[in-house]
Amino acid sequence: VDEGRISYFGPLEGGAVAASELERLILDPTGRPPCWVLEQPGAPALHIPVNASGSEALFDAFGALPGLDTRRLLSHLDRKAPMPVVVWERRTARPPNYRLH
């Protein structure tokens, strides 16, 4: 996380999103390891493993998202849901197969 950009470059994929343009934050526990899915309009979703090096900095970036409930976000991490969960979204145009916490 640097100057409002969240970046991740892993062995198989990577990219960056502007925190100010983030549209949706999803916790996907079905991956190995589980990952955060960051969606930004006009760009492919960025998948960041929850245990990626430096991932603790993500909580500061996520905490700045308007209306994000940090306690709920942490409870989803602990709960290990069986499917992806939309933790935060800027707009209400959510795909019907995504639960909103």
N, C-alpha and C. Protein backbone atom coordinates (compact mmCIF):
# COMPACT_ATOMS: atom_id res chain seq x y z
N VAL A 1 0.87 -1.17 0.00
CA VAL A 1 0.00 0.00 0.00
C VAL A 1 0.91 1.22 0.00
N ASP A 2 0.76 2.04 -1.05
CA ASP A 2 1.61 3.22 -1.15
C ASP A 2 0.85 4.34 -1.86
N GLU A 3 0.71 5.47 -1.18
CA GLU A 3 0.08 6.66 -1.76
C GLU A 3 -1.27 6.37 -2.41
N GLY A 4 -2.11 5.63 -1.69
CA GLY A 4 -3.46 5.38 -2.18
C GLY A 4 -3.58 4.27 -3.20
N ARG A 5 -2.48 3.57 -3.50
CA ARG A 5 -2.53 2.44 -4.43
C ARG A 5 -2.24 1.16 -3.65
N ILE A 6 -3.06 0.17 -3.93
CA ILE A 6 -2.86 -1.14 -3.33
C ILE A 6 -2.31 -2.04 -4.43
N SER A 7 -1.12 -2.57 -4.20
CA SER A 7 -0.44 -3.38 -5.21
C SER A 7 -0.11 -4.75 -4.66
N TYR A 8 -0.16 -5.74 -5.53
CA TYR A 8 0.27 -7.08 -5.18
C TYR A 8 0.82 -7.74 -6.43
N PHE A 9 2.00 -8.29 -6.30
CA PHE A 9 2.61 -9.02 -7.41
C PHE A 9 3.09 -10.35 -6.86
N GLY A 10 2.37 -11.40 -7.22
CA GLY A 10 2.68 -12.73 -6.74
C GLY A 10 3.27 -13.59 -7.84
N PRO A 11 3.45 -14.87 -7.54
CA PRO A 11 4.07 -15.76 -8.52
C PRO A 11 3.22 -16.03 -9.76
N LEU A 12 1.89 -15.91 -9.64
CA LEU A 12 1.03 -16.22 -10.77
C LEU A 12 0.28 -15.02 -11.34
N GLU A 13 0.05 -14.01 -10.55
CA GLU A 13 -0.68 -12.83 -11.02
C GLU A 13 -0.33 -11.64 -10.15
N GLY A 14 -0.84 -10.49 -10.54
CA GLY A 14 -0.61 -9.29 -9.76
C GLY A 14 -1.20 -8.09 -10.44
N GLY A 15 -1.08 -6.97 -9.77
CA GLY A 15 -1.61 -5.73 -10.30
C GLY A 15 -1.74 -4.71 -9.20
N ALA A 16 -2.48 -3.64 -9.53
CA ALA A 16 -2.67 -2.57 -8.56
C ALA A 16 -4.04 -1.95 -8.78
N VAL A 17 -4.62 -1.44 -7.69
CA VAL A 17 -5.87 -0.70 -7.76
C VAL A 17 -5.71 0.57 -6.93
N ALA A 18 -6.41 1.61 -7.34
CA ALA A 18 -6.43 2.85 -6.57
C ALA A 18 -7.49 2.69 -5.49
N ALA A 19 -7.13 2.90 -4.25
CA ALA A 19 -8.08 2.75 -3.15
C ALA A 19 -9.29 3.67 -3.35
N SER A 20 -9.07 4.83 -3.91
CA SER A 20 -10.16 5.78 -4.13
C SER A 20 -11.14 5.32 -5.21
N GLU A 21 -10.71 4.38 -6.06
CA GLU A 21 -11.57 3.87 -7.12
C GLU A 21 -12.10 2.47 -6.85
N LEU A 22 -11.77 1.95 -5.69
CA LEU A 22 -12.22 0.61 -5.33
C LEU A 22 -13.74 0.58 -5.29
N GLU A 23 -14.32 -0.39 -5.94
CA GLU A 23 -15.77 -0.51 -6.00
C GLU A 23 -16.30 -1.56 -5.04
N ARG A 24 -15.52 -2.63 -4.84
CA ARG A 24 -16.00 -3.75 -4.03
C ARG A 24 -14.82 -4.47 -3.42
N LEU A 25 -14.98 -4.88 -2.15
CA LEU A 25 -13.99 -5.68 -1.44
C LEU A 25 -14.67 -6.98 -1.04
N ILE A 26 -14.08 -8.07 -1.47
CA ILE A 26 -14.64 -9.40 -1.24
C ILE A 26 -13.62 -10.25 -0.51
N LEU A 27 -14.08 -11.03 0.44
CA LEU A 27 -13.24 -12.03 1.08
C LEU A 27 -13.62 -13.37 0.47
N ASP A 28 -12.67 -14.01 -0.20
CA ASP A 28 -12.92 -15.30 -0.83
C ASP A 28 -12.18 -16.39 -0.06
N PRO A 29 -12.90 -17.11 0.80
CA PRO A 29 -12.25 -18.15 1.61
C PRO A 29 -12.06 -19.46 0.86
N THR A 30 -12.53 -19.53 -0.39
CA THR A 30 -12.45 -20.79 -1.13
C THR A 30 -11.08 -21.02 -1.76
N GLY A 31 -10.25 -20.00 -1.82
CA GLY A 31 -8.92 -20.15 -2.41
C GLY A 31 -7.95 -20.81 -1.45
N ARG A 32 -6.85 -21.22 -1.98
CA ARG A 32 -5.76 -21.79 -1.17
C ARG A 32 -4.52 -20.98 -1.40
N PRO A 33 -4.23 -20.01 -0.58
CA PRO A 33 -4.92 -19.60 0.64
C PRO A 33 -6.11 -18.70 0.33
N PRO A 34 -6.95 -18.43 1.34
CA PRO A 34 -8.04 -17.47 1.14
C PRO A 34 -7.47 -16.13 0.68
N CYS A 35 -8.29 -15.34 -0.02
CA CYS A 35 -7.76 -14.08 -0.54
C CYS A 35 -8.80 -12.97 -0.49
N TRP A 36 -8.26 -11.76 -0.54
CA TRP A 36 -9.06 -10.57 -0.73
C TRP A 36 -9.22 -10.38 -2.23
N VAL A 37 -10.39 -10.00 -2.66
CA VAL A 37 -10.63 -9.70 -4.06
C VAL A 37 -11.02 -8.23 -4.11
N LEU A 38 -10.22 -7.44 -4.80
CA LEU A 38 -10.46 -6.00 -4.91
C LEU A 38 -10.92 -5.71 -6.32
N GLU A 39 -12.10 -5.13 -6.43
CA GLU A 39 -12.67 -4.85 -7.75
C GLU A 39 -12.70 -3.34 -7.99
N GLN A 40 -12.24 -2.98 -9.17
CA GLN A 40 -12.20 -1.59 -9.61
C GLN A 40 -12.79 -1.55 -11.02
N PRO A 41 -13.66 -0.57 -11.32
CA PRO A 41 -14.26 -0.52 -12.65
C PRO A 41 -13.20 -0.44 -13.75
N GLY A 42 -13.42 -1.20 -14.82
CA GLY A 42 -12.55 -1.14 -15.98
C GLY A 42 -11.23 -1.86 -15.83
N ALA A 43 -11.08 -2.65 -14.78
CA ALA A 43 -9.82 -3.37 -14.56
C ALA A 43 -10.14 -4.77 -14.03
N PRO A 44 -9.25 -5.73 -14.30
CA PRO A 44 -9.48 -7.06 -13.74
C PRO A 44 -9.41 -7.01 -12.21
N ALA A 45 -10.13 -7.89 -11.56
CA ALA A 45 -10.09 -7.98 -10.10
C ALA A 45 -8.68 -8.35 -9.65
N LEU A 46 -8.27 -7.77 -8.53
CA LEU A 46 -6.96 -8.06 -7.95
C LEU A 46 -7.17 -9.00 -6.78
N HIS A 47 -6.52 -10.17 -6.82
CA HIS A 47 -6.61 -11.16 -5.75
C HIS A 47 -5.34 -11.09 -4.91
N ILE A 48 -5.51 -10.88 -3.61
CA ILE A 48 -4.38 -10.80 -2.69
C ILE A 48 -4.58 -11.82 -1.58
N PRO A 49 -3.67 -12.79 -1.45
CA PRO A 49 -3.81 -13.76 -0.35
C PRO A 49 -3.84 -13.05 1.00
N VAL A 50 -4.70 -13.52 1.90
CA VAL A 50 -4.80 -12.87 3.21
C VAL A 50 -3.50 -12.99 4.00
N ASN A 51 -2.66 -13.96 3.65
CA ASN A 51 -1.40 -14.14 4.35
C ASN A 51 -0.19 -13.63 3.55
N ALA A 52 -0.44 -12.78 2.54
CA ALA A 52 0.66 -12.25 1.73
C ALA A 52 1.58 -11.38 2.59
N SER A 53 2.81 -11.36 2.22
CA SER A 53 3.77 -10.51 2.92
C SER A 53 3.31 -9.05 2.85
N GLY A 54 3.26 -8.38 3.99
CA GLY A 54 2.84 -6.99 4.03
C GLY A 54 1.33 -6.80 4.08
N SER A 55 0.57 -7.89 4.18
CA SER A 55 -0.89 -7.78 4.14
C SER A 55 -1.47 -7.01 5.31
N GLU A 56 -0.71 -6.86 6.38
CA GLU A 56 -1.22 -6.09 7.52
C GLU A 56 -1.48 -4.63 7.14
N ALA A 57 -0.77 -4.12 6.14
CA ALA A 57 -0.99 -2.75 5.67
C ALA A 57 -2.35 -2.60 4.98
N LEU A 58 -2.91 -3.70 4.52
CA LEU A 58 -4.22 -3.64 3.87
C LEU A 58 -5.29 -3.16 4.84
N PHE A 59 -5.17 -3.49 6.11
CA PHE A 59 -6.20 -3.10 7.07
C PHE A 59 -6.29 -1.59 7.22
N ASP A 60 -5.16 -0.89 7.10
CA ASP A 60 -5.20 0.57 7.12
C ASP A 60 -5.93 1.10 5.89
N ALA A 61 -5.64 0.51 4.73
CA ALA A 61 -6.30 0.94 3.49
C ALA A 61 -7.79 0.61 3.54
N PHE A 62 -8.13 -0.58 4.01
CA PHE A 62 -9.53 -0.97 4.10
C PHE A 62 -10.27 -0.10 5.12
N GLY A 63 -9.61 0.23 6.22
CA GLY A 63 -10.22 1.04 7.26
C GLY A 63 -10.61 2.43 6.78
N ALA A 64 -9.98 2.90 5.71
CA ALA A 64 -10.29 4.22 5.16
C ALA A 64 -11.50 4.19 4.22
N LEU A 65 -12.00 3.01 3.90
CA LEU A 65 -13.16 2.91 3.01
C LEU A 65 -14.41 3.40 3.74
N PRO A 66 -15.16 4.30 3.13
CA PRO A 66 -16.33 4.87 3.82
C PRO A 66 -17.38 3.82 4.18
N GLY A 67 -17.69 3.74 5.47
CA GLY A 67 -18.73 2.83 5.93
C GLY A 67 -18.28 1.40 6.21
N LEU A 68 -16.99 1.10 6.04
CA LEU A 68 -16.52 -0.26 6.31
C LEU A 68 -16.59 -0.55 7.80
N ASP A 69 -17.16 -1.69 8.15
CA ASP A 69 -17.24 -2.14 9.53
C ASP A 69 -16.06 -3.10 9.78
N THR A 70 -15.02 -2.59 10.42
CA THR A 70 -13.80 -3.38 10.62
C THR A 70 -14.06 -4.62 11.47
N ARG A 71 -14.90 -4.50 12.49
CA ARG A 71 -15.19 -5.67 13.33
C ARG A 71 -15.84 -6.78 12.51
N ARG A 72 -16.74 -6.39 11.62
CA ARG A 72 -17.41 -7.39 10.78
C ARG A 72 -16.41 -8.02 9.82
N LEU A 73 -15.52 -7.21 9.27
CA LEU A 73 -14.49 -7.73 8.37
C LEU A 73 -13.65 -8.79 9.10
N LEU A 74 -13.23 -8.48 10.32
CA LEU A 74 -12.42 -9.42 11.09
C LEU A 74 -13.22 -10.68 11.45
N SER A 75 -14.51 -10.53 11.71
CA SER A 75 -15.31 -11.71 12.04
C SER A 75 -15.43 -12.64 10.83
N HIS A 76 -15.49 -12.08 9.63
CA HIS A 76 -15.53 -12.93 8.43
C HIS A 76 -14.21 -13.68 8.26
N LEU A 77 -13.12 -13.04 8.60
CA LEU A 77 -11.82 -13.73 8.52
C LEU A 77 -11.78 -14.92 9.47
N ASP A 78 -12.33 -14.73 10.67
CA ASP A 78 -12.32 -15.80 11.68
C ASP A 78 -13.30 -16.92 11.35
N ARG A 79 -14.42 -16.56 10.72
CA ARG A 79 -15.51 -17.50 10.50
C ARG A 79 -15.25 -18.52 9.39
N LYS A 80 -14.45 -18.17 8.42
CA LYS A 80 -14.17 -19.05 7.29
C LYS A 80 -15.47 -19.49 6.58
N ALA A 81 -16.15 -18.52 6.01
CA ALA A 81 -17.40 -18.77 5.28
C ALA A 81 -17.15 -19.76 4.14
N PRO A 82 -18.18 -20.48 3.71
CA PRO A 82 -18.02 -21.47 2.64
C PRO A 82 -18.02 -20.86 1.24
N MET A 83 -18.31 -19.56 1.12
CA MET A 83 -18.36 -18.91 -0.19
C MET A 83 -17.86 -17.48 -0.06
N PRO A 84 -17.54 -16.84 -1.20
CA PRO A 84 -17.09 -15.44 -1.15
C PRO A 84 -18.15 -14.54 -0.51
N VAL A 85 -17.66 -13.54 0.25
CA VAL A 85 -18.54 -12.61 0.95
C VAL A 85 -18.13 -11.19 0.57
N VAL A 86 -19.09 -10.39 0.14
CA VAL A 86 -18.83 -8.98 -0.12
C VAL A 86 -18.75 -8.30 1.23
N VAL A 87 -17.58 -7.78 1.56
CA VAL A 87 -17.35 -7.15 2.85
C VAL A 87 -17.69 -5.66 2.78
N TRP A 88 -17.45 -5.06 1.62
CA TRP A 88 -17.71 -3.63 1.43
C TRP A 88 -17.94 -3.37 -0.05
N GLU A 89 -18.82 -2.42 -0.34
CA GLU A 89 -18.98 -1.99 -1.72
C GLU A 89 -19.40 -0.52 -1.75
N ARG A 90 -18.91 0.15 -2.76
CA ARG A 90 -19.22 1.57 -2.93
C ARG A 90 -20.62 1.77 -3.46
N ARG A 91 -21.04 0.93 -4.37
CA ARG A 91 -22.35 1.04 -5.00
C ARG A 91 -23.22 -0.13 -4.58
N THR A 92 -24.49 -0.04 -4.87
CA THR A 92 -25.39 -1.13 -4.51
C THR A 92 -25.60 -2.13 -5.65
N ALA A 93 -24.94 -1.94 -6.78
CA ALA A 93 -25.10 -2.85 -7.93
C ALA A 93 -24.25 -4.10 -7.71
N ARG A 94 -24.67 -4.93 -6.77
CA ARG A 94 -23.91 -6.13 -6.40
C ARG A 94 -24.41 -7.31 -7.23
N PRO A 95 -23.49 -8.13 -7.75
CA PRO A 95 -23.93 -9.35 -8.43
C PRO A 95 -24.80 -10.18 -7.47
N PRO A 96 -25.88 -10.75 -7.94
CA PRO A 96 -26.84 -11.44 -7.06
C PRO A 96 -26.27 -12.64 -6.33
N ASN A 97 -25.17 -13.21 -6.81
CA ASN A 97 -24.61 -14.40 -6.12
C ASN A 97 -23.62 -14.03 -5.03
N TYR A 98 -23.43 -12.73 -4.73
CA TYR A 98 -22.53 -12.30 -3.65
C TYR A 98 -23.36 -11.84 -2.47
N ARG A 99 -23.11 -12.43 -1.31
CA ARG A 99 -23.75 -11.99 -0.07
C ARG A 99 -23.07 -10.73 0.42
N LEU A 100 -23.81 -9.82 0.98
CA LEU A 100 -23.23 -8.65 1.64
C LEU A 100 -23.31 -8.92 3.13
N HIS A 101 -22.17 -9.08 3.75
CA HIS A 101 -22.04 -9.42 5.17
C HIS A 101 -23.38 -9.50 5.82
